[in-house]
């Protein structure tokens, strides 16, 4: 009978360690940029909205199902956006809606990616 409390204590410790360990994203910035590459001409006012752009937006939304994944996508978008000259920030902000994707946070350089979660 003295064995049971030790097992319970061990399980509690392991659970605490597991819960405290940050979950990492499985999405890489290279994936984000390649999925959305077809959107660049549209987002810089240099062309119409290619159908492949919305396919990419929808695909990326399906990939980012966890809080760490959504935060990673947000950070990647901010990094990539700074590299692209002439971005129309209004078009960038409205792209999810234009492509039929609903997200609960704004697409903007001022978005705090740490505040993004799947709980919203």
Protein backbone atom coordinates (compact mmCIF):
# COMPACT_ATOMS: atom_id res chain seq x y z
CA UNK A 1 0.00 0.00 0.00
CA UNK A 2 2.92 2.41 0.59
CA UNK A 3 3.74 2.04 -3.09
CA UNK A 4 0.54 3.80 -4.29
CA UNK A 5 1.39 7.25 -2.83
CA UNK A 6 4.80 7.10 -4.52
CA UNK A 7 3.19 6.32 -7.88
CA UNK A 8 0.69 9.16 -7.44
CA UNK A 9 3.47 11.58 -6.49
CA UNK A 10 5.52 10.51 -9.50
CA UNK A 11 2.53 10.98 -11.83
CA UNK A 12 1.84 14.44 -10.41
CA UNK A 13 5.47 15.47 -10.93
CA UNK A 14 5.46 14.17 -14.50
CA UNK A 15 2.17 15.90 -15.25
CA UNK A 16 3.52 19.18 -13.89
CA UNK A 17 6.67 18.87 -15.99
CA UNK A 18 4.63 18.05 -19.09
CA UNK A 19 2.26 20.97 -18.55
CA UNK A 20 5.13 23.41 -17.95
CA UNK A 21 7.05 22.42 -21.07
CA UNK A 22 6.39 24.91 -23.86
CA UNK A 23 4.95 23.38 -27.00
CA UNK A 24 6.91 24.19 -30.12
CA UNK A 25 5.43 24.94 -33.50
CA UNK A 26 5.77 22.49 -36.35
CA UNK A 27 5.49 25.25 -38.94
CA UNK A 28 8.62 26.78 -40.45
CA UNK A 29 8.82 30.29 -41.90
CA UNK A 30 9.94 28.81 -45.22
CA UNK A 31 6.64 26.95 -45.40
CA UNK A 32 4.67 30.12 -44.70
CA UNK A 33 6.47 32.14 -47.36
CA UNK A 34 6.29 29.43 -50.01
CA UNK A 35 2.58 28.80 -49.36
CA UNK A 36 1.82 32.52 -49.71
CA UNK A 37 4.28 33.37 -52.50
CA UNK A 38 1.50 33.58 -55.08
CA UNK A 39 -0.08 36.44 -53.11
CA UNK A 40 2.82 38.87 -53.40
CA UNK A 41 1.86 40.48 -56.72
CA UNK A 42 -1.68 41.08 -55.46
CA UNK A 43 -0.51 42.42 -52.09
CA UNK A 44 1.83 44.90 -53.79
CA UNK A 45 -0.88 46.19 -56.16
CA UNK A 46 0.87 44.60 -59.12
CA UNK A 47 -1.84 42.23 -60.25
CA UNK A 48 -5.17 40.57 -59.64
CA UNK A 49 -5.78 38.04 -56.87
CA UNK A 50 -4.51 34.68 -58.15
CA UNK A 51 -6.65 31.68 -57.18
CA UNK A 52 -3.52 29.98 -55.86
CA UNK A 53 -3.18 32.76 -53.30
CA UNK A 54 -6.46 31.89 -51.58
CA UNK A 55 -5.64 28.20 -51.80
CA UNK A 56 -2.44 29.01 -49.92
CA UNK A 57 -4.22 31.14 -47.31
CA UNK A 58 -6.75 28.39 -46.69
CA UNK A 59 -4.03 25.74 -46.53
CA UNK A 60 -2.01 27.77 -44.05
CA UNK A 61 -5.09 28.25 -41.90
CA UNK A 62 -5.63 24.47 -41.83
CA UNK A 63 -1.97 23.90 -40.93
CA UNK A 64 -2.04 26.34 -38.00
CA UNK A 65 -4.38 24.57 -35.60
CA UNK A 66 -2.47 25.01 -32.34
CA UNK A 67 -1.61 28.17 -30.43
CA UNK A 68 2.17 27.77 -31.04
CA UNK A 69 1.53 27.20 -34.76
CA UNK A 70 -0.64 30.32 -35.06
CA UNK A 71 1.91 32.38 -33.14
CA UNK A 72 4.68 31.08 -35.40
CA UNK A 73 2.72 31.91 -38.56
CA UNK A 74 2.11 35.40 -37.20
CA UNK A 75 5.83 35.94 -36.55
CA UNK A 76 6.74 34.54 -39.97
CA UNK A 77 4.26 36.85 -41.68
CA UNK A 78 5.69 39.87 -39.89
CA UNK A 79 9.24 38.90 -40.86
CA UNK A 80 8.32 38.19 -44.49
CA UNK A 81 6.24 41.35 -44.73
CA UNK A 82 9.21 43.50 -43.79
CA UNK A 83 11.20 41.94 -46.65
CA UNK A 84 8.61 42.73 -49.33
CA UNK A 85 8.76 46.27 -50.71
CA UNK A 86 5.53 48.07 -51.50
CA UNK A 87 3.08 45.95 -49.51
CA UNK A 88 -0.42 47.38 -49.38
CA UNK A 89 -1.20 46.89 -45.68
CA UNK A 90 -4.96 47.22 -46.30
CA UNK A 91 -4.84 44.33 -48.78
CA UNK A 92 -2.71 42.31 -46.36
CA UNK A 93 -5.17 42.90 -43.51
CA UNK A 94 -8.18 41.92 -45.61
CA UNK A 95 -6.60 38.89 -47.32
CA UNK A 96 -8.02 36.24 -44.94
CA UNK A 97 -11.56 37.59 -45.37
CA UNK A 98 -11.07 37.96 -49.13
CA UNK A 99 -10.07 34.29 -49.23
CA UNK A 100 -12.96 33.12 -47.04
CA UNK A 101 -10.88 32.48 -43.92
CA UNK A 102 -12.06 33.74 -40.56
CA UNK A 103 -9.41 34.55 -37.97
CA UNK A 104 -9.92 36.33 -34.66
CA UNK A 105 -6.92 38.64 -34.81
CA UNK A 106 -5.76 41.36 -37.18
CA UNK A 107 -3.05 40.79 -39.75
CA UNK A 108 -0.78 43.73 -39.05
CA UNK A 109 2.81 44.58 -38.26
CA UNK A 110 1.60 45.80 -34.87
CA UNK A 111 -0.11 42.52 -33.92
CA UNK A 112 1.39 40.99 -30.77
CA UNK A 113 1.83 37.39 -31.87
CA UNK A 114 2.22 36.23 -28.26
CA UNK A 115 -1.46 37.11 -27.67
CA UNK A 116 -2.71 34.84 -30.45
CA UNK A 117 -4.29 31.58 -29.36
CA UNK A 118 -6.74 28.95 -30.52
CA UNK A 119 -9.02 29.90 -27.60
CA UNK A 120 -10.31 33.00 -29.37
